């Protein structure tokens, strides 16, 4: 994938993806937390491939257990 193939999502789209309020993501950014982002023309954009990597790295397995 080249840089020109990047797909970006905005705060509203990320909030919907994660089931969060967009203001919660804004608060995280203000506190220096949350995922990396780009600020282009005053708009906050997230690289979708980075978001997917973050999601994958956040996976927690409970292992095999009998339910």
PDB file of N, CA and C in Angstrom:
ATOM      1  N   UNK A   1       0.849  -1.174   0.000  1.00  0.00           N
ATOM      2  CA  UNK A   1       0.000   0.000   0.000  1.00  0.00           C
ATOM      3  C   UNK A   1       0.899   1.244   0.000  1.00  0.00           C
ATOM      4  N   UNK A   2       0.626   2.174  -0.854  1.00  0.00           N
ATOM      5  CA  UNK A   2       1.380   3.421  -0.887  1.00  0.00           C
ATOM      6  C   UNK A   2       0.640   4.480  -0.081  1.00  0.00           C
ATOM      7  N   UNK A   3       1.321   5.583   0.192  1.00  0.00           N
ATOM      8  CA  UNK A   3       0.704   6.666   0.957  1.00  0.00           C
ATOM      9  C   UNK A   3      -0.554   7.191   0.288  1.00  0.00           C
ATOM     10  N   UNK A   4      -0.613   7.144  -1.039  1.00  0.00           N
ATOM     11  CA  UNK A   4      -1.788   7.659  -1.739  1.00  0.00           C
ATOM     12  C   UNK A   4      -2.978   6.716  -1.599  1.00  0.00           C
ATOM     13  N   UNK A   5      -2.742   5.507  -1.110  1.00  0.00           N
ATOM     14  CA  UNK A   5      -3.821   4.537  -0.930  1.00  0.00           C
ATOM     15  C   UNK A   5      -4.425   4.581   0.468  1.00  0.00           C
ATOM     16  N   UNK A   6      -3.959   5.473   1.306  1.00  0.00           N
ATOM     17  CA  UNK A   6      -4.457   5.538   2.679  1.00  0.00           C
ATOM     18  C   UNK A   6      -5.941   5.872   2.711  1.00  0.00           C
ATOM     19  N   UNK A   7      -6.595   5.274   3.681  1.00  0.00           N
ATOM     20  CA  UNK A   7      -8.011   5.555   3.922  1.00  0.00           C
ATOM     21  C   UNK A   7      -8.108   6.195   5.296  1.00  0.00           C
ATOM     22  N   UNK A   8      -8.791   7.324   5.373  1.00  0.00           N
ATOM     23  CA  UNK A   8      -8.937   8.047   6.622  1.00  0.00           C
ATOM     24  C   UNK A   8     -10.388   8.057   7.067  1.00  0.00           C
ATOM     25  N   UNK A   9     -10.583   8.091   8.380  1.00  0.00           N
ATOM     26  CA  UNK A   9     -11.916   8.276   8.936  1.00  0.00           C
ATOM     27  C   UNK A   9     -11.856   9.456   9.890  1.00  0.00           C
ATOM     28  N   UNK A  10     -12.989  10.100  10.076  1.00  0.00           N
ATOM     29  CA  UNK A  10     -13.014  11.252  10.975  1.00  0.00           C
ATOM     30  C   UNK A  10     -13.450  10.824  12.371  1.00  0.00           C
ATOM     31  N   UNK A  11     -13.506  11.783  13.263  1.00  0.00           N
ATOM     32  CA  UNK A  11     -13.834  11.494  14.665  1.00  0.00           C
ATOM     33  C   UNK A  11     -15.210  10.857  14.805  1.00  0.00           C
ATOM     34  N   UNK A  12     -16.162  11.362  14.058  1.00  0.00           N
ATOM     35  CA  UNK A  12     -17.528  10.824  14.134  1.00  0.00           C
ATOM     36  C   UNK A  12     -17.561   9.356  13.711  1.00  0.00           C
ATOM     37  N   UNK A  13     -16.841   9.032  12.651  1.00  0.00           N
ATOM     38  CA  UNK A  13     -16.802   7.650  12.157  1.00  0.00           C
ATOM     39  C   UNK A  13     -16.088   6.735  13.152  1.00  0.00           C
ATOM     40  N   UNK A  14     -15.004   7.217  13.745  1.00  0.00           N
ATOM     41  CA  UNK A  14     -14.290   6.400  14.732  1.00  0.00           C
ATOM     42  C   UNK A  14     -15.147   6.193  15.971  1.00  0.00           C
ATOM     43  N   UNK A  15     -15.836   7.233  16.400  1.00  0.00           N
ATOM     44  CA  UNK A  15     -16.707   7.119  17.567  1.00  0.00           C
ATOM     45  C   UNK A  15     -17.794   6.078  17.317  1.00  0.00           C
ATOM     46  N   UNK A  16     -18.360   6.094  16.135  1.00  0.00           N
ATOM     47  CA  UNK A  16     -19.395   5.104  15.798  1.00  0.00           C
ATOM     48  C   UNK A  16     -18.795   3.698  15.772  1.00  0.00           C
ATOM     49  N   UNK A  17     -17.612   3.559  15.200  1.00  0.00           N
ATOM     50  CA  UNK A  17     -16.931   2.258  15.108  1.00  0.00           C
ATOM     51  C   UNK A  17     -16.686   1.685  16.492  1.00  0.00           C
ATOM     52  N   UNK A  18     -16.310   2.544  17.439  1.00  0.00           N
ATOM     53  CA  UNK A  18     -15.982   2.105  18.784  1.00  0.00           C
ATOM     54  C   UNK A  18     -17.133   2.233  19.767  1.00  0.00           C
ATOM     55  N   UNK A  19     -18.297   2.691  19.309  1.00  0.00           N
ATOM     56  CA  UNK A  19     -19.446   2.829  20.208  1.00  0.00           C
ATOM     57  C   UNK A  19     -19.224   3.893  21.272  1.00  0.00           C
ATOM     58  N   UNK A  20     -18.535   4.955  20.889  1.00  0.00           N
ATOM     59  CA  UNK A  20     -18.220   6.039  21.814  1.00  0.00           C
ATOM     60  C   UNK A  20     -18.889   7.324  21.352  1.00  0.00           C
ATOM     61  N   UNK A  21     -18.927   8.289  22.246  1.00  0.00           N
ATOM     62  CA  UNK A  21     -19.378   9.624  21.914  1.00  0.00           C
ATOM     63  C   UNK A  21     -18.183  10.363  21.296  1.00  0.00           C
ATOM     64  N   UNK A  22     -18.388  11.115  20.216  1.00  0.00           N
ATOM     65  CA  UNK A  22     -17.268  11.857  19.618  1.00  0.00           C
ATOM     66  C   UNK A  22     -16.558  12.775  20.622  1.00  0.00           C
ATOM     67  N   UNK A  23     -17.298  13.288  21.600  1.00  0.00           N
ATOM     68  CA  UNK A  23     -16.685  14.161  22.606  1.00  0.00           C
ATOM     69  C   UNK A  23     -15.684  13.395  23.473  1.00  0.00           C
ATOM     70  N   UNK A  24     -15.925  12.111  23.681  1.00  0.00           N
ATOM     71  CA  UNK A  24     -14.993  11.293  24.458  1.00  0.00           C
ATOM     72  C   UNK A  24     -13.647  11.211  23.741  1.00  0.00           C
ATOM     73  N   UNK A  25     -13.673  11.075  22.418  1.00  0.00           N
ATOM     74  CA  UNK A  25     -12.426  11.036  21.648  1.00  0.00           C
ATOM     75  C   UNK A  25     -11.733  12.399  21.676  1.00  0.00           C
ATOM     76  N   UNK A  26     -12.515  13.464  21.606  1.00  0.00           N
ATOM     77  CA  UNK A  26     -11.947  14.811  21.694  1.00  0.00           C
ATOM     78  C   UNK A  26     -11.263  15.014  23.040  1.00  0.00           C
ATOM     79  N   UNK A  27     -11.893  14.540  24.104  1.00  0.00           N
ATOM     80  CA  UNK A  27     -11.308  14.661  25.435  1.00  0.00           C
ATOM     81  C   UNK A  27     -10.002  13.870  25.532  1.00  0.00           C
ATOM     82  N   UNK A  28      -9.978  12.680  24.944  1.00  0.00           N
ATOM     83  CA  UNK A  28      -8.746  11.884  24.935  1.00  0.00           C
ATOM     84  C   UNK A  28      -7.617  12.635  24.232  1.00  0.00           C
ATOM     85  N   UNK A  29      -7.925  13.219  23.065  1.00  0.00           N
ATOM     86  CA  UNK A  29      -6.915  13.972  22.313  1.00  0.00           C
ATOM     87  C   UNK A  29      -6.389  15.144  23.141  1.00  0.00           C
ATOM     88  N   UNK A  30      -7.303  15.854  23.780  1.00  0.00           N
ATOM     89  CA  UNK A  30      -6.922  17.025  24.567  1.00  0.00           C
ATOM     90  C   UNK A  30      -5.979  16.638  25.708  1.00  0.00           C
ATOM     91  N   UNK A  31      -6.175  15.438  26.256  1.00  0.00           N
ATOM     92  CA  UNK A  31      -5.344  14.951  27.354  1.00  0.00           C
ATOM     93  C   UNK A  31      -4.084  14.245  26.859  1.00  0.00           C
ATOM     94  N   UNK A  32      -3.891  14.204  25.534  1.00  0.00           N
ATOM     95  CA  UNK A  32      -2.700  13.574  24.974  1.00  0.00           C
ATOM     96  C   UNK A  32      -2.823  12.077  24.812  1.00  0.00           C
ATOM     97  N   UNK A  33      -4.041  11.552  24.871  1.00  0.00           N
ATOM     98  CA  UNK A  33      -4.262  10.123  24.726  1.00  0.00           C
ATOM     99  C   UNK A  33      -4.977   9.794  23.438  1.00  0.00           C
ATOM    100  N   UNK A  34      -5.373   8.557  23.341  1.00  0.00           N
ATOM    101  CA  UNK A  34      -6.107   8.107  22.165  1.00  0.00           C
ATOM    102  C   UNK A  34      -5.180   7.786  21.011  1.00  0.00           C
ATOM    103  N   UNK A  35      -5.767   7.396  19.895  1.00  0.00           N
ATOM    104  CA  UNK A  35      -4.962   7.008  18.735  1.00  0.00           C
ATOM    105  C   UNK A  35      -4.304   8.225  18.074  1.00  0.00           C
ATOM    106  N   UNK A  36      -3.234   7.949  17.326  1.00  0.00           N
ATOM    107  CA  UNK A  36      -2.586   9.002  16.540  1.00  0.00           C
ATOM    108  C   UNK A  36      -3.569   9.542  15.523  1.00  0.00           C
ATOM    109  N   UNK A  37      -3.379  10.795  15.152  1.00  0.00           N
ATOM    110  CA  UNK A  37      -4.282  11.418  14.191  1.00  0.00           C
ATOM    111  C   UNK A  37      -3.550  12.459  13.372  1.00  0.00           C
ATOM    112  N   UNK A  38      -4.190  12.868  12.296  1.00  0.00           N
ATOM    113  CA  UNK A  38      -3.714  13.950  11.447  1.00  0.00           C
ATOM    114  C   UNK A  38      -4.687  15.107  11.601  1.00  0.00           C
ATOM    115  N   UNK A  39      -4.166  16.305  11.574  1.00  0.00           N
ATOM    116  CA  UNK A  39      -5.018  17.483  11.584  1.00  0.00           C
ATOM    117  C   UNK A  39      -4.747  18.215  10.279  1.00  0.00           C
ATOM    118  N   UNK A  40      -5.706  18.107   9.371  1.00  0.00           N
ATOM    119  CA  UNK A  40      -5.544  18.661   8.031  1.00  0.00           C
ATOM    120  C   UNK A  40      -6.681  19.652   7.791  1.00  0.00           C
ATOM    121  N   UNK A  41      -6.323  20.884   7.577  1.00  0.00           N
ATOM    122  CA  UNK A  41      -7.340  21.913   7.330  1.00  0.00           C
ATOM    123  C   UNK A  41      -8.310  22.050   8.489  1.00  0.00           C
ATOM    124  N   UNK A  42      -7.831  21.827   9.704  1.00  0.00           N
ATOM    125  CA  UNK A  42      -8.677  21.937  10.883  1.00  0.00           C
ATOM    126  C   UNK A  42      -9.510  20.700  11.172  1.00  0.00           C
ATOM    127  N   UNK A  43      -9.426  19.702  10.313  1.00  0.00           N
ATOM    128  CA  UNK A  43     -10.206  18.475  10.492  1.00  0.00           C
ATOM    129  C   UNK A  43      -9.311  17.371  11.051  1.00  0.00           C
ATOM    130  N   UNK A  44      -9.828  16.652  12.026  1.00  0.00           N
ATOM    131  CA  UNK A  44      -9.111  15.532  12.630  1.00  0.00           C
ATOM    132  C   UNK A  44      -9.400  14.279  11.821  1.00  0.00           C
ATOM    133  N   UNK A  45      -8.336  13.603  11.382  1.00  0.00           N
ATOM    134  CA  UNK A  45      -8.477  12.385  10.591  1.00  0.00           C
ATOM    135  C   UNK A  45      -7.594  11.286  11.166  1.00  0.00           C
ATOM    136  N   UNK A  46      -8.126  10.070  11.149  1.00  0.00           N
ATOM    137  CA  UNK A  46      -7.407   8.898  11.632  1.00  0.00           C
ATOM    138  C   UNK A  46      -7.133   7.978  10.456  1.00  0.00           C
ATOM    139  N   UNK A  47      -5.923   7.448  10.398  1.00  0.00           N
ATOM    140  CA  UNK A  47      -5.560   6.478   9.368  1.00  0.00           C
ATOM    141  C   UNK A  47      -6.220   5.154   9.743  1.00  0.00           C
ATOM    142  N   UNK A  48      -7.101   4.672   8.895  1.00  0.00           N
ATOM    143  CA  UNK A  48      -7.867   3.469   9.195  1.00  0.00           C
ATOM    144  C   UNK A  48      -6.962   2.264   9.438  1.00  0.00           C
ATOM    145  N   UNK A  49      -5.863   2.156   8.707  1.00  0.00           N
ATOM    146  CA  UNK A  49      -4.965   1.004   8.922  1.00  0.00           C
ATOM    147  C   UNK A  49      -4.332   1.077  10.312  1.00  0.00           C
ATOM    148  N   UNK A  50      -4.019   2.270  10.803  1.00  0.00           N
ATOM    149  CA  UNK A  50      -3.476   2.410  12.158  1.00  0.00           C
ATOM    150  C   UNK A  50      -4.530   2.066  13.206  1.00  0.00           C
ATOM    151  N   UNK A  51      -5.775   2.452  12.951  1.00  0.00           N
ATOM    152  CA  UNK A  51      -6.873   2.135  13.873  1.00  0.00           C
ATOM    153  C   UNK A  51      -7.037   0.623  13.954  1.00  0.00           C
ATOM    154  N   UNK A  52      -7.000  -0.046  12.806  1.00  0.00           N
ATOM    155  CA  UNK A  52      -7.139  -1.504  12.790  1.00  0.00           C
ATOM    156  C   UNK A  52      -5.982  -2.175  13.530  1.00  0.00           C
ATOM    157  N   UNK A  53      -4.762  -1.652  13.366  1.00  0.00           N
ATOM    158  CA  UNK A  53      -3.609  -2.196  14.082  1.00  0.00           C
ATOM    159  C   UNK A  53      -3.786  -2.012  15.587  1.00  0.00           C
ATOM    160  N   UNK A  54      -4.265  -0.848  15.991  1.00  0.00           N
ATOM    161  CA  UNK A  54      -4.506  -0.579  17.407  1.00  0.00           C
ATOM    162  C   UNK A  54      -5.547  -1.542  17.966  1.00  0.00           C
ATOM    163  N   UNK A  55      -6.601  -1.759  17.201  1.00  0.00           N
ATOM    164  CA  UNK A  55      -7.645  -2.692  17.636  1.00  0.00           C
ATOM    165  C   UNK A  55      -7.085  -4.101  17.788  1.00  0.00           C
ATOM    166  N   UNK A  56      -6.290  -4.528  16.814  1.00  0.00           N
ATOM    167  CA  UNK A  56      -5.706  -5.875  16.869  1.00  0.00           C
ATOM    168  C   UNK A  56      -4.773  -6.014  18.068  1.00  0.00           C
ATOM    169  N   UNK A  57      -3.980  -4.991  18.335  1.00  0.00           N
ATOM    170  CA  UNK A  57      -3.026  -5.073  19.439  1.00  0.00           C
ATOM    171  C   UNK A  57      -3.714  -4.966  20.796  1.00  0.00           C
ATOM    172  N   UNK A  58      -4.964  -4.535  20.803  1.00  0.00           N
ATOM    173  CA  UNK A  58      -5.711  -4.398  22.056  1.00  0.00           C
ATOM    174  C   UNK A  58      -6.515  -5.643  22.397  1.00  0.00           C
ATOM    175  N   UNK A  59      -6.460  -6.638  21.525  1.00  0.00           N
ATOM    176  CA  UNK A  59      -7.227  -7.862  21.722  1.00  0.00           C
ATOM    177  C   UNK A  59      -6.740  -8.595  22.968  1.00  0.00           C
ATOM    178  N   UNK A  60      -7.672  -8.988  23.799  1.00  0.00           N
ATOM    179  CA  UNK A  60      -7.352  -9.759  25.008  1.00  0.00           C
ATOM    180  C   UNK A  60      -8.101 -11.083  24.921  1.00  0.00           C
ATOM    181  N   UNK A  61      -7.363 -12.172  24.965  1.00  0.00           N
ATOM    182  CA  UNK A  61      -7.967 -13.483  24.898  1.00  0.00           C
ATOM    183  C   UNK A  61      -8.153 -14.012  26.321  1.00  0.00           C
ATOM    184  N   UNK A  62      -9.316 -14.556  26.584  1.00  0.00           N
ATOM    185  CA  UNK A  62      -9.567 -15.188  27.873  1.00  0.00           C
ATOM    186  C   UNK A  62      -9.041 -16.621  27.902  1.00  0.00           C
ATOM    187  N   UNK A  63      -8.426 -17.011  26.824  1.00  0.00           N
ATOM    188  CA  UNK A  63      -7.916 -18.387  26.736  1.00  0.00           C
ATOM    189  C   UNK A  63      -9.056 -19.362  26.558  1.00  0.00           C
ATOM    190  N   UNK A  64      -8.744 -20.620  26.655  1.00  0.00           N
ATOM    191  CA  UNK A  64      -9.807 -21.617  26.534  1.00  0.00           C
ATOM    192  C   UNK A  64     -10.371 -21.863  27.926  1.00  0.00           C
ATOM    193  N   UNK A  65     -11.649 -21.774  28.010  1.00  0.00           N
ATOM    194  CA  UNK A  65     -12.295 -22.040  29.293  1.00  0.00           C
ATOM    195  C   UNK A  65     -13.632 -22.705  29.029  1.00  0.00           C
ATOM    196  N   UNK A  66     -14.058 -23.471  29.957  1.00  0.00           N
ATOM    197  CA  UNK A  66     -15.345 -24.154  29.830  1.00  0.00           C
ATOM    198  C   UNK A  66     -16.449 -23.224  30.326  1.00  0.00           C
ATOM    199  N   UNK A  67     -17.444 -23.098  29.484  1.00  0.00           N
ATOM    200  CA  UNK A  67     -18.582 -22.235  29.862  1.00  0.00           C
ATOM    201  C   UNK A  67     -19.798 -23.091  30.099  1.00  0.00           C
TER     202      UNK A  67
END
